[in-house]
Protein backbone atom coordinates (compact mmCIF):
# COMPACT_ATOMS: atom_id res chain seq x y z
CA MET A 1 131.56 25.35 38.51
CA GLN A 2 133.47 25.34 35.24
CA LEU A 3 131.38 23.65 32.54
CA LYS A 4 134.28 22.87 30.22
CA GLY A 5 134.71 19.13 29.94
CA ILE A 6 131.47 18.33 31.82
CA ALA A 7 129.20 15.94 29.93
CA ASP A 8 125.55 16.70 29.24
CA GLY A 9 123.16 15.09 31.70
CA VAL A 10 121.60 15.38 35.14
CA LEU A 11 124.19 16.70 37.57
CA SER A 12 125.49 14.42 40.32
CA ASP A 13 125.92 14.88 44.06
CA ARG A 14 129.56 15.87 43.56
CA GLN A 15 128.64 18.45 40.92
CA MET A 16 125.90 19.92 43.10
CA GLY A 17 128.49 20.25 45.85
CA MET A 18 130.57 22.31 43.44
CA MET A 19 127.52 24.48 42.69
CA ILE A 20 127.13 25.15 46.40
CA ASP A 21 130.81 26.01 46.75
CA ASN A 22 130.74 28.52 43.89
CA GLY A 23 127.43 30.17 44.83
CA GLN A 24 125.13 28.80 42.15
CA ILE A 25 123.15 27.22 44.98
CA LYS A 26 122.68 29.56 47.93
CA SER A 27 120.90 29.26 51.26
CA GLU A 28 119.98 31.36 54.27
CA LEU A 29 121.43 28.51 56.37
CA VAL A 30 124.31 26.18 55.61
CA VAL A 31 123.29 23.44 53.20
CA GLU A 32 123.32 20.18 55.14
CA HIS A 33 125.06 17.09 53.81
CA GLY A 34 121.83 15.10 54.08
CA GLN A 35 120.10 17.41 51.60
CA ILE A 36 122.33 16.26 48.74
CA GLN A 37 120.96 13.08 47.16
CA PRO A 38 122.66 11.15 44.31
CA ALA A 39 121.01 13.31 41.64
CA SER A 40 118.84 15.80 43.52
CA LEU A 41 118.93 18.45 46.22
CA ASP A 42 116.30 18.56 48.97
CA LEU A 43 114.80 22.03 49.49
CA ARG A 44 113.89 23.41 52.94
CA LEU A 45 110.90 25.45 54.06
CA GLY A 46 111.56 28.99 55.26
CA ALA A 47 110.14 30.79 58.28
CA LYS A 48 106.78 31.98 56.89
CA ALA A 49 103.80 30.58 55.05
CA TYR A 50 101.28 32.72 53.20
CA ARG A 51 97.65 31.57 53.04
CA LEU A 52 96.32 32.49 49.59
CA ARG A 53 92.97 33.09 47.97
CA ALA A 54 94.03 31.01 44.97
CA SER A 55 96.94 29.27 43.31
CA PHE A 56 98.90 31.33 40.78
CA LEU A 57 101.88 31.55 38.47
CA PRO A 58 103.60 34.95 38.49
CA GLY A 59 104.02 35.22 34.70
CA LYS A 60 106.97 36.58 32.77
CA ALA A 61 106.69 40.15 34.04
CA ALA A 62 106.16 39.60 37.78
CA LYS A 63 107.92 38.42 40.90
CA VAL A 64 106.32 35.98 43.31
CA SER A 65 106.53 38.56 46.12
CA GLU A 66 104.42 40.98 44.06
CA ARG A 67 101.71 38.36 43.54
CA LEU A 68 101.78 37.48 47.24
CA ASN A 69 100.85 41.07 47.98
CA GLU A 70 97.77 40.62 45.79
CA PHE A 71 96.56 37.21 46.96
CA THR A 72 97.69 36.73 50.58
CA MET A 73 94.93 36.37 53.17
CA HIS A 74 97.24 36.04 56.18
CA GLU A 75 100.78 35.04 57.20
CA MET A 76 101.82 32.12 59.41
CA ASP A 77 105.03 31.57 61.39
CA LEU A 78 106.50 28.11 60.74
CA ARG A 79 109.38 28.29 63.19
CA SER A 80 107.36 26.61 65.94
CA GLY A 81 105.19 24.66 63.51
CA ALA A 82 101.84 25.49 61.96
CA VAL A 83 98.86 23.60 60.55
CA LEU A 84 98.28 23.74 56.81
CA GLU A 85 94.62 22.90 56.34
CA LYS A 86 93.19 20.48 53.84
CA GLY A 87 91.71 22.25 50.80
CA CYS A 88 93.67 25.48 51.29
CA VAL A 89 96.51 27.01 49.26
CA TYR A 90 99.79 28.22 50.77
CA VAL A 91 103.08 29.58 49.47
CA VAL A 92 106.29 29.24 51.49
CA PRO A 93 109.60 30.93 50.58
CA LEU A 94 112.36 28.32 50.59
CA LEU A 95 115.69 28.71 52.36
CA GLU A 96 117.53 27.92 49.12
CA SER A 97 117.93 30.28 46.15
CA LEU A 98 119.76 29.97 42.83
CA ASP A 99 122.25 31.83 40.66
CA LEU A 100 122.56 29.45 37.71
CA VAL A 101 124.83 29.77 34.71
CA ASP A 102 123.08 30.05 31.37
CA GLU A 103 123.55 26.38 30.43
CA ILE A 104 122.01 24.85 33.58
CA SER A 105 118.27 24.50 34.24
CA GLY A 106 116.33 22.90 37.07
CA ALA A 107 113.27 20.71 37.59
CA ALA A 108 111.54 20.15 40.91
CA SER A 109 109.22 17.52 42.35
CA ALA A 110 107.66 16.53 45.65
CA LYS A 111 109.63 14.03 47.70
CA SER A 112 108.25 10.49 47.79
CA SER A 113 106.77 10.71 51.29
CA ILE A 114 105.05 13.99 50.46
CA GLY A 115 103.42 12.63 47.31
CA ARG A 116 102.12 9.64 49.28
CA LEU A 117 100.34 12.04 51.65
CA ASP A 118 98.50 13.67 48.72
CA LEU A 119 100.26 16.96 49.39
CA LEU A 120 100.33 18.85 46.10
CA THR A 121 103.60 20.78 46.36
CA ARG A 122 105.00 22.74 43.41
CA VAL A 123 108.04 24.98 43.16
CA ILE A 124 107.59 28.42 41.59
CA THR A 125 110.10 31.07 40.56
CA ASP A 126 110.05 34.77 39.78
CA SER A 127 108.76 35.33 36.22
CA GLY A 128 107.69 31.69 36.20
CA VAL A 129 105.25 30.41 33.59
CA GLU A 130 105.43 26.72 34.66
CA PHE A 131 105.30 24.93 37.97
CA ASP A 132 108.35 22.87 38.99
CA ARG A 133 110.55 24.21 36.19
CA VAL A 134 113.53 26.53 36.69
CA PRO A 135 114.73 28.09 33.42
CA ALA A 136 118.39 27.96 32.43
CA GLY A 137 120.37 30.82 33.92
CA TYR A 138 117.74 31.63 36.58
CA THR A 139 118.85 33.93 39.37
CA GLY A 140 116.54 34.50 42.30
CA PRO A 141 114.53 33.00 45.16
CA LEU A 142 112.55 29.77 45.18
CA TYR A 143 109.06 29.28 46.61
CA VAL A 144 106.85 26.26 47.08
CA GLU A 145 103.09 26.20 46.73
CA ILE A 146 101.50 23.67 49.11
CA CYS A 147 97.94 22.39 48.69
CA PRO A 148 96.98 19.62 51.17
CA ARG A 149 94.40 17.50 49.38
CA SER A 150 93.52 14.58 51.69
CA PHE A 151 95.03 15.44 55.09
CA SER A 152 95.79 18.59 57.06
CA VAL A 153 99.46 18.64 58.08
CA VAL A 154 101.78 20.30 60.59
CA VAL A 155 104.94 21.72 59.00
CA HIS A 156 108.05 23.40 60.41
CA THR A 157 110.83 25.62 59.13
CA GLY A 158 113.63 23.53 57.68
CA GLN A 159 111.49 20.57 56.63
CA MET A 160 112.15 19.16 53.18
CA LEU A 161 109.03 18.60 51.09
CA ASN A 162 110.53 19.08 47.62
CA GLN A 163 113.65 18.22 45.67
CA ILE A 164 115.31 19.69 42.60
CA ILE A 165 117.53 18.25 39.90
CA PHE A 166 119.84 20.22 37.63
CA ARG A 167 120.22 19.53 33.92
CA LEU A 168 123.00 20.39 31.52
CA GLY A 169 122.23 20.07 27.81
CA LYS A 170 120.18 17.20 26.42
CA THR A 171 119.49 14.58 29.05
CA VAL A 172 116.62 12.36 27.87
CA VAL A 173 117.55 8.80 26.88
CA THR A 174 116.04 7.96 23.48
CA ASP A 175 113.85 4.89 23.05
CA LYS A 176 116.58 3.13 21.07
CA ALA A 177 119.20 3.87 23.70
CA LEU A 178 116.74 2.79 26.42
CA ALA A 179 116.16 -0.54 24.65
CA ASP A 180 119.93 -1.02 24.40
CA LEU A 181 120.28 -0.20 28.10
CA HIS A 182 117.60 -2.76 28.98
CA HIS A 183 119.44 -5.37 26.95
CA GLN A 184 122.69 -4.65 28.80
CA THR A 185 121.27 -4.07 32.29
CA PRO A 186 117.58 -5.00 32.66
CA ILE A 187 115.65 -1.93 33.82
CA VAL A 188 112.29 -3.64 34.32
CA SER A 189 111.02 -7.09 35.18
CA GLY A 190 109.27 -8.84 32.32
CA GLU A 191 108.88 -7.34 28.87
CA ALA A 192 110.01 -3.74 28.45
CA VAL A 193 107.27 -1.57 26.91
CA ILE A 194 109.26 1.33 25.48
CA SER A 195 107.57 4.30 23.80
CA ASP A 196 108.63 7.82 24.80
CA GLY A 197 110.03 6.20 27.91
CA LEU A 198 109.35 3.00 29.84
CA GLY A 199 105.69 2.08 30.25
CA PHE A 200 104.50 0.68 33.57
CA SER A 201 101.24 -0.95 34.67
CA VAL A 202 99.27 -1.43 37.87
CA ASP A 203 99.33 -4.56 40.05
CA LEU A 204 95.85 -5.66 41.14
CA LYS A 205 96.69 -9.38 41.55
CA PRO A 206 99.24 -9.61 44.37
CA PRO A 207 101.06 -12.94 44.83
CA GLN A 208 99.58 -13.28 48.31
CA GLY A 209 96.22 -12.10 49.62
CA ASP A 210 93.90 -9.58 48.02
CA LEU A 211 95.16 -6.25 49.40
CA VAL A 212 96.01 -4.07 46.38
CA GLY A 213 96.01 -0.53 47.74
CA TYR A 214 94.71 2.14 50.06
CA ARG A 215 92.19 4.96 49.70
CA ALA A 216 92.47 8.10 51.82
CA LYS A 217 89.64 8.54 54.32
CA PRO A 218 87.70 11.81 53.87
CA HIS A 219 87.66 12.92 57.53
CA THR A 220 90.83 12.39 59.56
CA GLY A 221 93.11 14.01 62.09
CA VAL A 222 96.20 16.11 61.42
CA ILE A 223 99.54 14.58 60.37
CA ASP A 224 102.68 16.10 61.89
CA LEU A 225 105.42 15.64 59.30
CA THR A 226 108.08 15.32 62.02
CA LYS A 227 106.53 12.09 63.35
CA LEU A 228 107.84 8.99 61.57
CA ASN A 229 106.51 5.43 61.92
CA PHE A 230 103.92 6.98 64.25
CA TYR A 231 100.37 6.97 62.87
CA GLU A 232 98.04 3.98 62.62
CA PRO A 233 97.21 3.42 58.94
CA CYS A 234 93.59 2.51 59.72
CA ASP A 235 92.98 6.01 61.12
CA PHE A 236 93.73 7.59 57.75
CA TRP A 237 93.35 4.90 55.08
CA GLU A 238 90.80 2.37 53.89
CA GLU A 239 92.18 -0.88 52.54
CA ILE A 240 91.35 -1.68 48.90
CA ARG A 241 90.92 -5.39 48.24
CA THR A 242 89.93 -7.31 45.13
CA LYS A 243 89.92 -10.91 43.96
CA GLU A 244 88.85 -10.00 40.42
CA GLY A 245 91.92 -8.00 39.46
CA ARG A 246 89.99 -4.77 39.00
CA ILE A 247 88.86 -1.80 41.07
CA ILE A 248 86.66 1.22 40.38
CA LEU A 249 88.25 4.58 41.08
CA ASP A 250 85.90 7.11 42.64
CA PRO A 251 86.05 10.73 41.37
CA GLY A 252 88.00 12.94 43.76
CA ALA A 253 89.37 10.02 45.79
CA PHE A 254 93.09 9.49 46.37
CA TYR A 255 94.67 6.03 46.15
CA ILE A 256 98.01 4.41 46.90
CA LEU A 257 98.64 1.52 44.49
CA VAL A 258 101.76 -0.21 43.19
CA SER A 259 103.26 -1.02 39.82
CA ARG A 260 103.19 -4.59 38.53
CA GLU A 261 106.76 -4.22 37.29
CA ALA A 262 109.92 -4.03 39.37
CA ILE A 263 111.95 -1.07 38.12
CA THR A 264 115.69 -0.46 38.12
CA ILE A 265 117.52 2.84 37.70
CA PRO A 266 121.18 2.08 36.82
CA PRO A 267 123.96 4.24 38.34
CA ASN A 268 124.43 6.19 35.09
CA CYS A 269 120.75 7.22 34.85
CA ALA A 270 118.05 9.12 36.68
CA ALA A 271 114.35 9.01 35.84
CA GLU A 272 111.19 11.08 36.09
CA MET A 273 107.69 9.62 36.11
CA ALA A 274 105.34 11.38 33.72
CA PRO A 275 102.53 12.65 35.99
CA TYR A 276 99.60 12.15 33.63
CA VAL A 277 98.89 10.25 30.45
CA ALA A 278 95.56 11.42 28.99
CA MET A 279 95.16 8.39 26.72
CA VAL A 280 94.89 5.85 29.55
CA GLY A 281 91.94 7.29 31.48
CA GLU A 282 90.58 10.08 33.62
CA PHE A 283 93.11 9.93 36.41
CA ARG A 284 96.54 11.21 37.38
CA VAL A 285 99.34 8.90 38.45
CA HIS A 286 102.25 9.89 40.69
CA TYR A 287 102.74 13.30 42.30
CA ALA A 288 106.37 12.68 43.29
CA GLY A 289 108.25 12.07 40.11
CA PHE A 290 112.03 11.64 40.57
CA PHE A 291 113.95 8.36 40.81
CA ASP A 292 117.60 8.66 41.85
CA PRO A 293 120.40 6.55 40.37
CA GLY A 294 120.49 3.20 42.16
CA PHE A 295 116.73 2.89 42.80
CA GLY A 296 116.03 -0.84 42.65
CA TYR A 297 119.59 -1.49 41.53
CA SER A 298 121.60 -4.44 42.83
CA THR A 299 123.83 -7.16 41.49
CA SER A 300 120.86 -9.53 41.64
CA GLY A 301 118.86 -7.24 39.39
CA VAL A 302 115.69 -7.63 41.46
CA GLY A 303 114.43 -4.05 41.13
CA SER A 304 111.84 -2.19 43.24
CA ARG A 305 108.18 -1.59 42.60
CA GLY A 306 107.01 1.92 41.89
CA VAL A 307 104.37 3.16 44.32
CA LEU A 308 101.60 4.97 42.43
CA GLU A 309 99.78 7.97 43.83
CA VAL A 310 96.51 8.03 41.93
CA ARG A 311 93.68 10.56 41.83
CA CYS A 312 90.57 10.00 39.71
CA HIS A 313 89.02 13.02 37.99
CA GLU A 314 85.61 13.50 36.41
CA ALA A 315 84.01 10.05 36.21
CA PRO A 316 84.32 6.67 37.94
CA PHE A 317 86.94 4.59 36.13
CA VAL A 318 87.53 0.84 36.04
CA LEU A 319 91.20 0.00 36.55
CA GLU A 320 92.29 -3.48 35.47
CA HIS A 321 95.30 -5.54 36.51
CA GLY A 322 98.18 -5.02 34.12
CA GLN A 323 96.71 -1.87 32.60
CA VAL A 324 99.41 0.56 31.48
CA VAL A 325 98.96 3.71 33.55
CA GLY A 326 102.05 5.82 32.83
CA ARG A 327 105.65 5.97 31.75
CA LEU A 328 109.05 6.55 33.23
CA VAL A 329 111.35 8.91 31.31
CA TYR A 330 115.01 7.96 31.75
CA GLU A 331 117.72 10.63 31.71
CA LYS A 332 121.46 10.17 31.47
CA MET A 333 123.66 11.36 34.31
CA SER A 334 126.47 13.79 33.62
CA GLU A 335 128.60 11.43 35.75
CA ILE A 336 127.97 8.50 38.05
CA PRO A 337 127.20 9.83 41.56
CA GLN A 338 129.50 9.26 44.48
CA GLN A 339 126.61 7.66 46.38
CA LEU A 340 123.68 5.63 45.05
CA TYR A 341 120.10 5.39 46.26
CA GLY A 342 119.57 2.52 48.65
CA ILE A 343 123.19 1.34 48.53
CA ASP A 344 125.27 4.17 49.94
CA ILE A 345 122.58 6.30 51.60
CA LYS A 346 119.70 5.52 53.94
CA SER A 347 116.70 5.10 51.62
CA ASN A 348 113.20 4.47 52.94
CA TYR A 349 111.74 2.92 49.82
CA GLN A 350 114.45 0.69 48.36
CA GLY A 351 113.08 -2.79 47.66
CA GLN A 352 109.54 -1.57 48.35
CA ARG A 353 106.25 -3.13 47.39
CA LEU A 354 102.91 -1.58 48.35
CA LYS A 355 103.92 0.94 51.03
CA LEU A 356 102.48 4.05 52.67
CA SER A 357 104.63 7.04 53.57
CA LYS A 358 107.19 6.76 56.37
CA HIS A 359 104.86 8.63 58.75
CA PHE A 360 102.72 5.50 59.20
CA LYS A 361 103.49 2.36 61.16
CA ASN A 362 104.55 -0.59 59.04
CA ILE A 363 101.75 -3.03 58.36
């Protein structure tokens, strides 16, 4: 892809198609059309998984394959499916690899359904010193580290657990520009709290009933990631209800909650949810961080709620209705995508409220 005349920003579906055509994005199998999202590319699992003694980053002087030789306990064949056990660490080579030009970098994240299953999945690269970050000009293979936290899962070769975006130049929308954008095209219901991105809060006072979230049960069966709208929620989740507008998060527990605000990502923007804000409490919000252009976007300007994947850390923590729990960092697109989330492509979570992953039956 020739970079001359291309604007800084997150690259679009059309531009990623050009990267595939010119070999910047490579794959052991043909890249499928369904992998290309408006501003991200879905990444597929390869044929083998390696069960590790511990998580690792290779560091500047090492390849992932070298570290696998040090830490692998045993190999698993994923072509017919295999169980990844809760509490264990695995690394899987991905089918896709990269040969980026010097000006283009990448950032990866778990897909929405994977984050909602409390699967900690992080992309790593050769000579990598950060998870989920691909340095500009990177050439080499991609791997994903998978750590099931709440549920053991069955995975297969070719499944897509992670996605990657590609950035050219400076992409982050400044607070001033974000305020201007909100004035032109409202990006959030209610008052916009803008400081290093768009602040969002938790909804613990639903308009109907008292169901505010779900907590993962500690002892459950296995979830096969190929089975959609299949599992009974009550077999894996406890309902969280409150009439007081507050809940107490238990250390080590995993929760599915929802934002109070309805969020909109205009066609000329993408967004990434900051995974942890230390100032708001001892918990982490959101393991799957990318929002494609068009999320919550419509002519009516209704927006969609953001589902929050929450894990409490060291101490029990009281969470109150309307408490700010994180922020959404908006990024400009290099160009408006050919297809938008929820409008031009089949999108599971457009217009969502409180919602479990697509593997569970609708409540």
